Amino acid sequence: MKEVPKFYNDLDLTLKEIEYLLSRGVKDRKSCFHYTILSTVNNKTPESRTVILRSFNKDVFELNIHSDSRSEKINQIEANKNVSCLFYDDKKKIQIRINGQAKIEKSYQPSWEKLTNWSKRCYLSENKPGTEVGKPSSGFPDRFVNESPTDKDSIEGLKNFSVIKVIISRIEWLYLASQGHRRAIFKILREGSSYKIDKKWLIP
């Protein structure tokens, strides 16, 4: 039988493992935690999509995701800021569910400057994401299919660029093991600029 990890029966070590996995997910494209399923509310209907985890700040429990400012998820968040993010690693048998409130930072220069021009071209589409077209299209101009836009060209995309900042209020952990699954909840209780974390085990 496979030996259980050190965090198996330890809430503090479990939280450290969550912080490690999310931090690594930002940097490691091969990590399952590089991608998350972001869910928003469209009126009363949930909508989900896979997005890339761009940053995680363990000091304030905040994560960032990039988006086109014209996408429907931005409109949905502006109407209802409650969101959730779902992560799962099939090999590690770990699921992380995050709830929080999202804040939209439009034309956010600090994050924009970290992107390559190759990535910035995704924000050069004349039409907003989800626009119906008569033939397959990436949206951005054809001349950027095989080459990056120049700095002068790419700056036009800044007006379409947004960062979704998720201020985390709750993290649910699930670890699947043959010896018995482990589930825990971590509530981020905020008061002004400070916070404390309420940690509890749950029945899986």
Protein backbone atom coordinates (compact mmCIF):
# COMPACT_ATOMS: atom_id res chain seq x y z
CA MET A 1 0.00 0.00 0.00
CA LYS A 2 1.28 3.43 -0.92
CA GLU A 3 2.65 5.47 1.96
CA VAL A 4 0.58 8.56 2.77
CA PRO A 5 2.24 12.00 2.44
CA LYS A 6 3.20 14.08 5.46
CA PHE A 7 0.25 16.44 4.94
CA TYR A 8 -2.26 13.56 5.14
CA ASN A 9 -3.35 14.21 8.75
CA ASP A 10 -1.94 17.71 9.25
CA LEU A 11 -3.96 20.85 8.45
CA ASP A 12 -0.97 23.19 8.57
CA LEU A 13 1.04 21.02 6.16
CA THR A 14 -2.03 20.68 3.93
CA LEU A 15 -2.25 24.47 3.67
CA LYS A 16 1.46 24.66 2.84
CA GLU A 17 0.92 22.04 0.13
CA ILE A 18 -1.91 24.14 -1.35
CA GLU A 19 0.33 27.22 -1.39
CA TYR A 20 3.13 25.23 -3.02
CA LEU A 21 0.91 23.70 -5.71
CA LEU A 22 -0.66 27.02 -6.69
CA SER A 23 2.69 28.83 -6.70
CA ARG A 24 4.22 26.12 -8.86
CA GLY A 25 1.19 26.17 -11.16
CA VAL A 26 1.94 29.78 -12.07
CA LYS A 27 5.49 28.97 -13.23
CA ASP A 28 5.23 25.38 -14.51
CA ARG A 29 3.22 24.92 -17.70
CA LYS A 30 3.29 21.14 -17.21
CA SER A 31 1.65 21.39 -13.79
CA CYS A 32 -2.04 20.51 -13.62
CA PHE A 33 -2.40 23.60 -11.45
CA HIS A 34 -1.33 25.84 -14.33
CA TYR A 35 -4.95 25.63 -15.50
CA THR A 36 -8.12 26.22 -13.54
CA ILE A 37 -11.83 26.10 -14.30
CA LEU A 38 -13.20 29.56 -13.58
CA SER A 39 -16.94 29.68 -12.88
CA THR A 40 -19.04 32.83 -12.95
CA VAL A 41 -22.77 33.55 -12.70
CA ASN A 42 -24.73 34.67 -15.75
CA ASN A 43 -27.98 35.96 -14.21
CA LYS A 44 -28.83 32.74 -12.31
CA THR A 45 -26.97 30.34 -14.59
CA PRO A 46 -23.43 29.15 -13.81
CA GLU A 47 -20.89 29.33 -16.62
CA SER A 48 -17.43 27.70 -16.57
CA ARG A 49 -14.32 27.84 -18.73
CA THR A 50 -10.69 26.76 -18.49
CA VAL A 51 -8.22 29.60 -17.95
CA ILE A 52 -4.54 29.94 -17.04
CA LEU A 53 -3.43 30.77 -13.51
CA ARG A 54 -1.22 33.84 -13.96
CA SER A 55 -0.22 34.61 -10.39
CA PHE A 56 -0.84 33.53 -6.82
CA ASN A 57 0.06 35.67 -3.82
CA LYS A 58 0.14 33.51 -0.69
CA ASP A 59 0.71 36.55 1.52
CA VAL A 60 -2.73 38.00 0.75
CA PHE A 61 -4.43 34.91 -0.73
CA GLU A 62 -5.15 36.37 -4.13
CA LEU A 63 -4.86 34.84 -7.58
CA ASN A 64 -4.88 36.50 -10.99
CA ILE A 65 -6.26 35.46 -14.38
CA HIS A 66 -6.01 37.33 -17.70
CA SER A 67 -8.98 38.07 -19.94
CA ASP A 68 -10.13 40.09 -22.91
CA SER A 69 -12.07 43.04 -21.45
CA ARG A 70 -14.84 42.45 -23.99
CA SER A 71 -15.52 38.83 -22.99
CA GLU A 72 -18.79 37.79 -21.40
CA LYS A 73 -17.09 36.66 -18.20
CA ILE A 74 -16.05 40.26 -17.53
CA ASN A 75 -19.66 41.40 -17.87
CA GLN A 76 -20.78 38.57 -15.61
CA ILE A 77 -18.24 39.45 -12.92
CA GLU A 78 -19.19 43.12 -13.04
CA ALA A 79 -22.80 42.04 -12.36
CA ASN A 80 -21.91 39.39 -9.76
CA LYS A 81 -18.38 39.33 -8.31
CA ASN A 82 -18.74 35.88 -6.70
CA VAL A 83 -16.58 33.34 -8.56
CA SER A 84 -15.05 29.91 -8.04
CA CYS A 85 -11.91 28.20 -9.35
CA LEU A 86 -11.49 24.44 -9.59
CA PHE A 87 -8.14 22.66 -9.83
CA TYR A 88 -7.53 18.90 -10.13
CA ASP A 89 -4.42 16.77 -10.54
CA ASP A 90 -5.29 13.23 -11.62
CA LYS A 91 -1.86 11.81 -10.75
CA LYS A 92 -1.60 13.44 -7.34
CA LYS A 93 -5.32 12.79 -6.70
CA ILE A 94 -5.71 16.31 -5.34
CA GLN A 95 -8.63 18.66 -5.89
CA ILE A 96 -8.62 22.30 -4.80
CA ARG A 97 -11.80 24.37 -4.89
CA ILE A 98 -11.53 28.11 -4.37
CA ASN A 99 -14.30 30.63 -3.73
CA GLY A 100 -13.80 34.36 -3.73
CA GLN A 101 -14.80 37.74 -5.00
CA ALA A 102 -13.36 39.02 -8.25
CA LYS A 103 -12.12 42.49 -9.05
CA ILE A 104 -11.51 43.62 -12.64
CA GLU A 105 -8.38 45.66 -13.45
CA LYS A 106 -8.76 46.91 -17.02
CA SER A 107 -5.67 47.80 -19.10
CA TYR A 108 -3.53 46.67 -16.15
CA GLN A 109 -0.05 47.76 -17.23
CA PRO A 110 2.10 45.76 -14.72
CA SER A 111 0.70 42.43 -15.98
CA TRP A 112 0.61 43.58 -19.62
CA GLU A 113 4.33 44.36 -19.58
CA LYS A 114 5.14 40.80 -18.49
CA LEU A 115 3.54 39.36 -21.64
CA THR A 116 5.50 38.69 -24.80
CA ASN A 117 4.34 40.38 -27.99
CA TRP A 118 3.41 36.89 -29.23
CA SER A 119 0.90 36.64 -26.37
CA LYS A 120 -0.28 40.22 -26.74
CA ARG A 121 -1.52 39.53 -30.27
CA CYS A 122 -4.49 37.64 -28.74
CA TYR A 123 -5.84 41.03 -27.66
CA LEU A 124 -5.62 42.57 -31.13
CA SER A 125 -8.87 41.09 -32.41
CA GLU A 126 -11.24 43.66 -33.90
CA ASN A 127 -14.22 41.61 -32.72
CA LYS A 128 -14.96 40.60 -29.15
CA PRO A 129 -14.58 36.95 -28.03
CA GLY A 130 -17.66 34.87 -28.89
CA THR A 131 -18.50 36.84 -32.05
CA GLU A 132 -19.98 34.57 -34.73
CA VAL A 133 -17.95 34.40 -37.96
CA GLY A 134 -18.43 32.73 -41.33
CA LYS A 135 -15.11 30.85 -41.35
CA PRO A 136 -12.51 29.68 -38.80
CA SER A 137 -10.55 32.58 -37.33
CA SER A 138 -8.16 33.34 -34.49
CA GLY A 139 -9.59 36.85 -34.38
CA PHE A 140 -6.29 38.69 -34.65
CA PRO A 141 -4.97 40.05 -37.99
CA ASP A 142 -3.63 37.44 -40.46
CA ARG A 143 -0.20 39.06 -40.56
CA PHE A 144 0.39 37.94 -36.97
CA VAL A 145 -0.28 34.24 -37.63
CA ASN A 146 3.41 33.45 -38.02
CA GLU A 147 5.11 36.48 -36.54
CA SER A 148 4.79 38.61 -33.42
CA PRO A 149 3.43 42.13 -33.59
CA THR A 150 5.88 44.96 -33.00
CA ASP A 151 5.78 46.96 -29.77
CA LYS A 152 3.90 49.66 -31.66
CA ASP A 153 1.34 47.17 -32.99
CA SER A 154 0.88 45.29 -29.74
CA ILE A 155 0.11 48.35 -27.60
CA GLU A 156 -3.23 48.56 -29.42
CA GLY A 157 -4.27 45.45 -27.50
CA LEU A 158 -3.84 47.02 -24.06
CA LYS A 159 -7.31 48.57 -24.20
CA ASN A 160 -8.75 45.04 -24.56
CA PHE A 161 -6.67 43.53 -21.74
CA SER A 162 -7.94 42.89 -18.21
CA VAL A 163 -6.72 41.12 -15.11
CA ILE A 164 -9.27 39.27 -13.00
CA LYS A 165 -8.10 39.43 -9.39
CA VAL A 166 -9.75 36.81 -7.19
CA ILE A 167 -9.65 37.68 -3.49
CA ILE A 168 -9.93 34.25 -1.93
CA SER A 169 -12.46 33.72 0.85
CA ARG A 170 -12.47 29.92 1.03
CA ILE A 171 -10.35 26.97 -0.07
CA GLU A 172 -11.59 23.38 -0.03
CA TRP A 173 -9.08 20.56 -0.23
CA LEU A 174 -9.70 16.96 -1.26
CA TYR A 175 -7.02 14.26 -1.32
CA LEU A 176 -7.96 10.80 -2.57
CA ALA A 177 -6.19 7.86 -0.94
CA SER A 178 -6.87 4.14 -0.63
CA GLN A 179 -6.36 4.42 3.13
CA GLY A 180 -9.19 6.95 3.27
CA HIS A 181 -9.77 10.29 1.60
CA ARG A 182 -9.02 13.59 3.33
CA ARG A 183 -11.10 16.74 2.97
CA ALA A 184 -10.52 20.09 4.63
CA ILE A 185 -11.73 23.66 4.48
CA PHE A 186 -9.73 26.84 4.98
CA LYS A 187 -11.74 30.02 5.47
CA ILE A 188 -9.88 33.30 4.92
CA LEU A 189 -11.46 35.64 7.48
CA ARG A 190 -10.56 39.19 6.51
CA GLU A 191 -10.67 42.33 8.62
CA GLY A 192 -9.31 45.36 6.84
CA SER A 193 -5.84 44.58 5.50
CA SER A 194 -5.31 41.67 7.91
CA TYR A 195 -6.79 38.18 7.97
CA LYS A 196 -6.79 34.92 9.86
CA ILE A 197 -7.38 31.41 8.57
CA ASP A 198 -9.97 29.08 10.08
CA LYS A 199 -8.93 25.45 9.37
CA LYS A 200 -11.21 22.44 9.76
CA TRP A 201 -11.42 18.85 8.60
CA LEU A 202 -14.51 17.72 6.71
CA ILE A 203 -15.95 14.32 5.95
CA PRO A 204 -15.08 13.58 2.30
